[in-house]
Amino acid sequence: MESEVRQKRLRRLVKKLNEERKKQAQKIDILCKDFIAGHKDFIKGLDTVSFAASFYESIVGATELTNLLYIAGKTIRDEIGDVNVAFFLRKNKSFELHLFESDRPVTLEKYDLENCFTHDLVDNICKSNKQCTLDDLLKMGLQGNPSVLRNISLVAVPLGQFGSSFGFILIYRPAQEKFNGERIKNVVAITSGLSRAIDSCQMLMQAVD
């Protein structure tokens, strides 16, 4: 009889111990998952800082707007992959468009998409002062060849300072090649410094003129 009591106590003790082990294992599993998630976020943050630092180092000494935008465009293409990059900058009641295939600007006539941008559309995009998708641009008045528009994936990233946009970066490529959100975030991370550099180049050009 006494032996049966001891066995029952032992079984209860073993059962309780197993339950505690399961609870402890669950807690450890949750902590590990939280740690891994936090570690990934930390690595992503370092990647963004490294990308921005490398870009800012590359534009040190760039005083000509054409050279600055060429470096910026090449940096964005290297980061995101096979994309087209165009810079739209407000100028008085119109805008300037900067395109590069090499270190020299290319003529607008070679392209279809960029010809779809009117002054009003550029103005609306700048006033929105936010990242815009193709759907956003269509709502703002983008019009063009449907066969061209339905086959592209694009994002417009604002350029500006102090909450005001003076232009944007248009990044686009074939629709089947979707953008990586983290890569776009890296591009967004350099827009503040790039905007200041553009402003400095423009001021220098005005002083020379």
C-alpha atoms as a PDB file:
ATOM      1  CA  MET A   1       0.000   0.000   0.000  1.00  0.00           C
ATOM      2  CA  GLU A   2       2.744   2.387   0.979  1.00  0.00           C
ATOM      3  CA  SER A   3       4.606   1.451  -2.201  1.00  0.00           C
ATOM      4  CA  GLU A   4       1.591   2.362  -4.364  1.00  0.00           C
ATOM      5  CA  VAL A   5       1.329   5.757  -2.657  1.00  0.00           C
ATOM      6  CA  ARG A   6       5.008   6.444  -3.332  1.00  0.00           C
ATOM      7  CA  GLN A   7       4.586   5.429  -6.974  1.00  0.00           C
ATOM      8  CA  LYS A   8       1.582   7.749  -7.395  1.00  0.00           C
ATOM      9  CA  ARG A   9       3.533  10.615  -5.843  1.00  0.00           C
ATOM     10  CA  LEU A  10       6.477   9.842  -8.107  1.00  0.00           C
ATOM     11  CA  ARG A  11       4.237   9.806 -11.202  1.00  0.00           C
ATOM     12  CA  ARG A  12       2.676  13.129 -10.189  1.00  0.00           C
ATOM     13  CA  LEU A  13       6.140  14.559  -9.639  1.00  0.00           C
ATOM     14  CA  VAL A  14       7.383  13.318 -13.033  1.00  0.00           C
ATOM     15  CA  LYS A  15       4.255  14.662 -14.749  1.00  0.00           C
ATOM     16  CA  LYS A  16       4.676  18.045 -13.079  1.00  0.00           C
ATOM     17  CA  LEU A  17       8.357  18.107 -14.024  1.00  0.00           C
ATOM     18  CA  ASN A  18       7.527  17.343 -17.683  1.00  0.00           C
ATOM     19  CA  GLU A  19       4.923  20.093 -17.723  1.00  0.00           C
ATOM     20  CA  GLU A  20       7.447  22.564 -16.323  1.00  0.00           C
ATOM     21  CA  ARG A  21       9.981  21.475 -18.935  1.00  0.00           C
ATOM     22  CA  LYS A  22       7.461  22.046 -21.738  1.00  0.00           C
ATOM     23  CA  LYS A  23       6.627  25.500 -20.376  1.00  0.00           C
ATOM     24  CA  GLN A  24      10.319  26.336 -20.114  1.00  0.00           C
ATOM     25  CA  ALA A  25      10.956  25.067 -23.652  1.00  0.00           C
ATOM     26  CA  GLN A  26       8.124  27.243 -24.970  1.00  0.00           C
ATOM     27  CA  LYS A  27       9.542  30.303 -23.211  1.00  0.00           C
ATOM     28  CA  ILE A  28      13.016  29.616 -24.615  1.00  0.00           C
ATOM     29  CA  ASP A  29      11.537  29.123 -28.093  1.00  0.00           C
ATOM     30  CA  ILE A  30       9.745  32.484 -27.879  1.00  0.00           C
ATOM     31  CA  LEU A  31      12.903  34.226 -26.644  1.00  0.00           C
ATOM     32  CA  CYS A  32      14.970  32.690 -29.451  1.00  0.00           C
ATOM     33  CA  LYS A  33      12.473  33.762 -32.095  1.00  0.00           C
ATOM     34  CA  ASP A  34      12.404  37.300 -30.669  1.00  0.00           C
ATOM     35  CA  PHE A  35      16.198  37.390 -30.621  1.00  0.00           C
ATOM     36  CA  ILE A  36      16.458  36.168 -34.214  1.00  0.00           C
ATOM     37  CA  ALA A  37      13.847  38.693 -35.394  1.00  0.00           C
ATOM     38  CA  GLY A  38      15.661  41.489 -33.575  1.00  0.00           C
ATOM     39  CA  HIS A  39      18.978  40.345 -34.995  1.00  0.00           C
ATOM     40  CA  LYS A  40      17.585  40.404 -38.546  1.00  0.00           C
ATOM     41  CA  ASP A  41      16.278  43.948 -38.022  1.00  0.00           C
ATOM     42  CA  PHE A  42      19.685  44.954 -36.675  1.00  0.00           C
ATOM     43  CA  ILE A  43      21.451  43.490 -39.721  1.00  0.00           C
ATOM     44  CA  LYS A  44      19.029  45.257 -42.053  1.00  0.00           C
ATOM     45  CA  GLY A  45      19.729  48.513 -40.231  1.00  0.00           C
ATOM     46  CA  LEU A  46      23.473  48.012 -40.636  1.00  0.00           C
ATOM     47  CA  ASP A  47      22.991  47.267 -44.325  1.00  0.00           C
ATOM     48  CA  THR A  48      21.139  50.561 -44.793  1.00  0.00           C
ATOM     49  CA  VAL A  49      23.788  52.525 -42.879  1.00  0.00           C
ATOM     50  CA  SER A  50      26.556  50.877 -44.907  1.00  0.00           C
ATOM     51  CA  PHE A  51      24.779  51.636 -48.184  1.00  0.00           C
ATOM     52  CA  ALA A  52      24.201  55.277 -47.246  1.00  0.00           C
ATOM     53  CA  ALA A  53      27.784  55.731 -46.021  1.00  0.00           C
ATOM     54  CA  SER A  54      29.162  54.266 -49.244  1.00  0.00           C
ATOM     55  CA  PHE A  55      26.959  56.560 -51.333  1.00  0.00           C
ATOM     56  CA  TYR A  56      27.887  59.700 -49.422  1.00  0.00           C
ATOM     57  CA  GLU A  57      31.556  58.801 -49.776  1.00  0.00           C
ATOM     58  CA  SER A  58      31.099  58.434 -53.542  1.00  0.00           C
ATOM     59  CA  ILE A  59      29.620  61.941 -53.984  1.00  0.00           C
ATOM     60  CA  VAL A  60      32.226  63.792 -51.934  1.00  0.00           C
ATOM     61  CA  GLY A  61      33.613  66.489 -54.194  1.00  0.00           C
ATOM     62  CA  ALA A  62      30.821  66.190 -56.793  1.00  0.00           C
ATOM     63  CA  THR A  63      30.019  69.807 -57.675  1.00  0.00           C
ATOM     64  CA  GLU A  64      28.407  69.331 -61.090  1.00  0.00           C
ATOM     65  CA  LEU A  65      24.743  68.323 -61.088  1.00  0.00           C
ATOM     66  CA  THR A  66      25.164  65.982 -64.060  1.00  0.00           C
ATOM     67  CA  ASN A  67      27.996  64.101 -62.363  1.00  0.00           C
ATOM     68  CA  LEU A  68      26.135  63.945 -59.047  1.00  0.00           C
ATOM     69  CA  LEU A  69      22.983  62.500 -60.616  1.00  0.00           C
ATOM     70  CA  TYR A  70      24.983  60.027 -62.686  1.00  0.00           C
ATOM     71  CA  ILE A  71      26.623  58.701 -59.507  1.00  0.00           C
ATOM     72  CA  ALA A  72      23.253  58.548 -57.748  1.00  0.00           C
ATOM     73  CA  GLY A  73      21.630  56.710 -60.650  1.00  0.00           C
ATOM     74  CA  LYS A  74      24.477  54.198 -60.891  1.00  0.00           C
ATOM     75  CA  THR A  75      24.326  53.610 -57.130  1.00  0.00           C
ATOM     76  CA  ILE A  76      20.584  52.940 -57.285  1.00  0.00           C
ATOM     77  CA  ARG A  77      20.957  50.550 -60.229  1.00  0.00           C
ATOM     78  CA  ASP A  78      23.742  48.684 -58.463  1.00  0.00           C
ATOM     79  CA  GLU A  79      21.601  48.372 -55.333  1.00  0.00           C
ATOM     80  CA  ILE A  80      18.251  47.392 -56.852  1.00  0.00           C
ATOM     81  CA  GLY A  81      19.358  45.562 -59.971  1.00  0.00           C
ATOM     82  CA  ASP A  82      18.337  45.984 -63.579  1.00  0.00           C
ATOM     83  CA  VAL A  83      16.253  49.172 -63.391  1.00  0.00           C
ATOM     84  CA  ASN A  84      15.849  52.444 -65.224  1.00  0.00           C
ATOM     85  CA  VAL A  85      16.427  55.573 -63.152  1.00  0.00           C
ATOM     86  CA  ALA A  86      15.288  59.093 -64.036  1.00  0.00           C
ATOM     87  CA  PHE A  87      15.512  62.295 -61.997  1.00  0.00           C
ATOM     88  CA  PHE A  88      12.738  64.871 -62.274  1.00  0.00           C
ATOM     89  CA  LEU A  89      13.601  68.294 -60.810  1.00  0.00           C
ATOM     90  CA  ARG A  90      11.244  71.251 -60.622  1.00  0.00           C
ATOM     91  CA  LYS A  91      12.485  74.395 -62.352  1.00  0.00           C
ATOM     92  CA  ASN A  92      10.401  77.572 -62.306  1.00  0.00           C
ATOM     93  CA  LYS A  93       7.120  76.653 -64.027  1.00  0.00           C
ATOM     94  CA  SER A  94       8.540  73.587 -65.697  1.00  0.00           C
ATOM     95  CA  PHE A  95      10.912  70.758 -64.797  1.00  0.00           C
ATOM     96  CA  GLU A  96      14.230  69.220 -65.756  1.00  0.00           C
ATOM     97  CA  LEU A  97      14.581  65.537 -66.627  1.00  0.00           C
ATOM     98  CA  HIS A  98      17.929  63.778 -66.172  1.00  0.00           C
ATOM     99  CA  LEU A  99      18.525  60.349 -67.732  1.00  0.00           C
ATOM    100  CA  PHE A 100      21.726  58.352 -68.027  1.00  0.00           C
ATOM    101  CA  GLU A 101      22.825  55.212 -69.848  1.00  0.00           C
ATOM    102  CA  SER A 102      26.476  55.968 -69.194  1.00  0.00           C
ATOM    103  CA  ASP A 103      28.171  58.968 -67.654  1.00  0.00           C
ATOM    104  CA  ARG A 104      26.536  61.169 -70.295  1.00  0.00           C
ATOM    105  CA  PRO A 105      22.854  62.285 -70.345  1.00  0.00           C
ATOM    106  CA  VAL A 106      20.630  60.709 -73.016  1.00  0.00           C
ATOM    107  CA  THR A 107      17.986  62.401 -75.146  1.00  0.00           C
ATOM    108  CA  LEU A 108      14.351  62.225 -74.138  1.00  0.00           C
ATOM    109  CA  GLU A 109      13.241  61.087 -77.595  1.00  0.00           C
ATOM    110  CA  LYS A 110      14.669  57.606 -76.927  1.00  0.00           C
ATOM    111  CA  TYR A 111      12.116  56.883 -74.223  1.00  0.00           C
ATOM    112  CA  ASP A 112       8.381  56.338 -73.994  1.00  0.00           C
ATOM    113  CA  LEU A 113       7.546  56.475 -70.285  1.00  0.00           C
ATOM    114  CA  GLU A 114       9.322  59.735 -69.477  1.00  0.00           C
ATOM    115  CA  ASN A 115       7.427  61.474 -72.299  1.00  0.00           C
ATOM    116  CA  CYS A 116       4.209  60.800 -70.374  1.00  0.00           C
ATOM    117  CA  PHE A 117       5.170  63.259 -67.626  1.00  0.00           C
ATOM    118  CA  THR A 118       3.676  66.726 -67.923  1.00  0.00           C
ATOM    119  CA  HIS A 119       4.392  69.745 -65.751  1.00  0.00           C
ATOM    120  CA  ASP A 120       1.094  69.294 -63.923  1.00  0.00           C
ATOM    121  CA  LEU A 121       1.838  65.634 -63.203  1.00  0.00           C
ATOM    122  CA  VAL A 122       5.330  66.404 -61.930  1.00  0.00           C
ATOM    123  CA  ASP A 123       3.873  69.182 -59.791  1.00  0.00           C
ATOM    124  CA  ASN A 124       1.247  66.825 -58.327  1.00  0.00           C
ATOM    125  CA  ILE A 125       3.859  64.195 -57.507  1.00  0.00           C
ATOM    126  CA  CYS A 126       6.049  66.776 -55.772  1.00  0.00           C
ATOM    127  CA  LYS A 127       3.099  68.147 -53.804  1.00  0.00           C
ATOM    128  CA  SER A 128       2.241  64.650 -52.562  1.00  0.00           C
ATOM    129  CA  ASN A 129       5.771  64.404 -51.114  1.00  0.00           C
ATOM    130  CA  LYS A 130       5.496  60.617 -50.693  1.00  0.00           C
ATOM    131  CA  GLN A 131       6.486  57.422 -52.435  1.00  0.00           C
ATOM    132  CA  CYS A 132       4.157  56.842 -55.359  1.00  0.00           C
ATOM    133  CA  THR A 133       3.284  53.684 -57.258  1.00  0.00           C
ATOM    134  CA  LEU A 134       1.964  53.413 -60.794  1.00  0.00           C
ATOM    135  CA  ASP A 135      -1.607  53.447 -59.477  1.00  0.00           C
ATOM    136  CA  ASP A 136      -0.858  56.682 -57.590  1.00  0.00           C
ATOM    137  CA  LEU A 137       0.532  58.317 -60.728  1.00  0.00           C
ATOM    138  CA  LEU A 138      -2.456  57.225 -62.810  1.00  0.00           C
ATOM    139  CA  LYS A 139      -4.746  58.900 -60.273  1.00  0.00           C
ATOM    140  CA  MET A 140      -2.616  62.047 -60.521  1.00  0.00           C
ATOM    141  CA  GLY A 141      -3.028  62.223 -64.286  1.00  0.00           C
ATOM    142  CA  LEU A 142      -0.370  59.969 -65.830  1.00  0.00           C
ATOM    143  CA  GLN A 143      -1.442  59.151 -69.374  1.00  0.00           C
ATOM    144  CA  GLY A 144       0.388  57.097 -71.936  1.00  0.00           C
ATOM    145  CA  ASN A 145       0.445  54.095 -74.180  1.00  0.00           C
ATOM    146  CA  PRO A 146      -1.506  51.388 -72.299  1.00  0.00           C
ATOM    147  CA  SER A 147       0.808  48.710 -73.705  1.00  0.00           C
ATOM    148  CA  VAL A 148       3.729  50.519 -72.063  1.00  0.00           C
ATOM    149  CA  LEU A 149       2.063  51.334 -68.739  1.00  0.00           C
ATOM    150  CA  ARG A 150       0.646  47.881 -68.054  1.00  0.00           C
ATOM    151  CA  ASN A 151       4.042  46.300 -68.538  1.00  0.00           C
ATOM    152  CA  ILE A 152       6.043  48.317 -66.018  1.00  0.00           C
ATOM    153  CA  SER A 153       6.575  48.330 -62.284  1.00  0.00           C
ATOM    154  CA  LEU A 154       7.608  51.687 -60.873  1.00  0.00           C
ATOM    155  CA  VAL A 155       8.097  53.776 -57.769  1.00  0.00           C
ATOM    156  CA  ALA A 156       8.621  57.537 -57.496  1.00  0.00           C
ATOM    157  CA  VAL A 157      10.750  58.524 -54.494  1.00  0.00           C
ATOM    158  CA  PRO A 158      10.531  62.190 -53.414  1.00  0.00           C
ATOM    159  CA  LEU A 159      13.506  64.532 -53.252  1.00  0.00           C
ATOM    160  CA  GLY A 160      13.407  67.574 -51.008  1.00  0.00           C
ATOM    161  CA  GLN A 161      14.156  69.205 -47.699  1.00  0.00           C
ATOM    162  CA  PHE A 162      12.190  70.492 -44.724  1.00  0.00           C
ATOM    163  CA  GLY A 163       9.009  68.670 -45.723  1.00  0.00           C
ATOM    164  CA  SER A 164       8.910  70.167 -49.206  1.00  0.00           C
ATOM    165  CA  SER A 165       9.635  68.221 -52.400  1.00  0.00           C
ATOM    166  CA  PHE A 166      11.446  69.797 -55.340  1.00  0.00           C
ATOM    167  CA  GLY A 167      11.568  66.637 -57.433  1.00  0.00           C
ATOM    168  CA  PHE A 168      11.620  62.874 -57.371  1.00  0.00           C
ATOM    169  CA  ILE A 169      13.514  59.798 -58.510  1.00  0.00           C
ATOM    170  CA  LEU A 170      11.591  57.588 -60.909  1.00  0.00           C
ATOM    171  CA  ILE A 171      12.677  53.948 -60.703  1.00  0.00           C
ATOM    172  CA  TYR A 172      11.063  51.456 -63.051  1.00  0.00           C
ATOM    173  CA  ARG A 173      11.463  48.146 -64.852  1.00  0.00           C
ATOM    174  CA  PRO A 174       9.315  45.368 -66.429  1.00  0.00           C
ATOM    175  CA  ALA A 175       6.223  44.510 -64.393  1.00  0.00           C
ATOM    176  CA  GLN A 176       7.215  40.873 -63.870  1.00  0.00           C
ATOM    177  CA  GLU A 177      10.283  41.958 -61.908  1.00  0.00           C
ATOM    178  CA  LYS A 178       8.901  43.162 -58.583  1.00  0.00           C
ATOM    179  CA  PHE A 179      10.816  45.540 -56.329  1.00  0.00           C
ATOM    180  CA  ASN A 180      12.476  44.407 -53.106  1.00  0.00           C
ATOM    181  CA  GLY A 181      11.067  46.595 -50.315  1.00  0.00           C
ATOM    182  CA  GLU A 182      14.323  46.581 -48.347  1.00  0.00           C
ATOM    183  CA  ARG A 183      16.275  47.816 -51.368  1.00  0.00           C
ATOM    184  CA  ILE A 184      13.815  50.654 -51.884  1.00  0.00           C
ATOM    185  CA  LYS A 185      14.203  51.553 -48.195  1.00  0.00           C
ATOM    186  CA  ASN A 186      17.945  51.839 -48.742  1.00  0.00           C
ATOM    187  CA  VAL A 187      17.346  54.257 -51.614  1.00  0.00           C
ATOM    188  CA  VAL A 188      14.978  56.310 -49.451  1.00  0.00           C
ATOM    189  CA  ALA A 189      17.720  56.490 -46.806  1.00  0.00           C
ATOM    190  CA  ILE A 190      20.012  58.475 -49.143  1.00  0.00           C
ATOM    191  CA  THR A 191      17.432  60.944 -50.464  1.00  0.00           C
ATOM    192  CA  SER A 192      17.946  63.470 -47.674  1.00  0.00           C
ATOM    193  CA  GLY A 193      21.685  63.780 -48.319  1.00  0.00           C
ATOM    194  CA  LEU A 194      21.194  63.599 -52.085  1.00  0.00           C
ATOM    195  CA  SER A 195      18.629  66.413 -51.906  1.00  0.00           C
ATOM    196  CA  ARG A 196      21.095  68.635 -50.050  1.00  0.00           C
ATOM    197  CA  ALA A 197      23.805  67.826 -52.585  1.00  0.00           C
ATOM    198  CA  ILE A 198      21.463  68.651 -55.503  1.00  0.00           C
ATOM    199  CA  ASP A 199      20.553  71.948 -53.861  1.00  0.00           C
ATOM    200  CA  SER A 200      24.245  72.804 -53.402  1.00  0.00           C
ATOM    201  CA  CYS A 201      25.027  72.008 -57.055  1.00  0.00           C
ATOM    202  CA  GLN A 202      22.133  74.148 -58.247  1.00  0.00           C
ATOM    203  CA  MET A 203      23.215  77.066 -56.065  1.00  0.00           C
ATOM    204  CA  LEU A 204      26.757  76.758 -57.421  1.00  0.00           C
ATOM    205  CA  MET A 205      25.444  76.740 -61.017  1.00  0.00           C
ATOM    206  CA  GLN A 206      23.417  79.887 -60.317  1.00  0.00           C
ATOM    207  CA  ALA A 207      26.465  81.596 -58.803  1.00  0.00           C
ATOM    208  CA  VAL A 208      28.563  80.748 -61.853  1.00  0.00           C
ATOM    209  CA  ASP A 209      25.851  81.934 -64.256  1.00  0.00           C
END
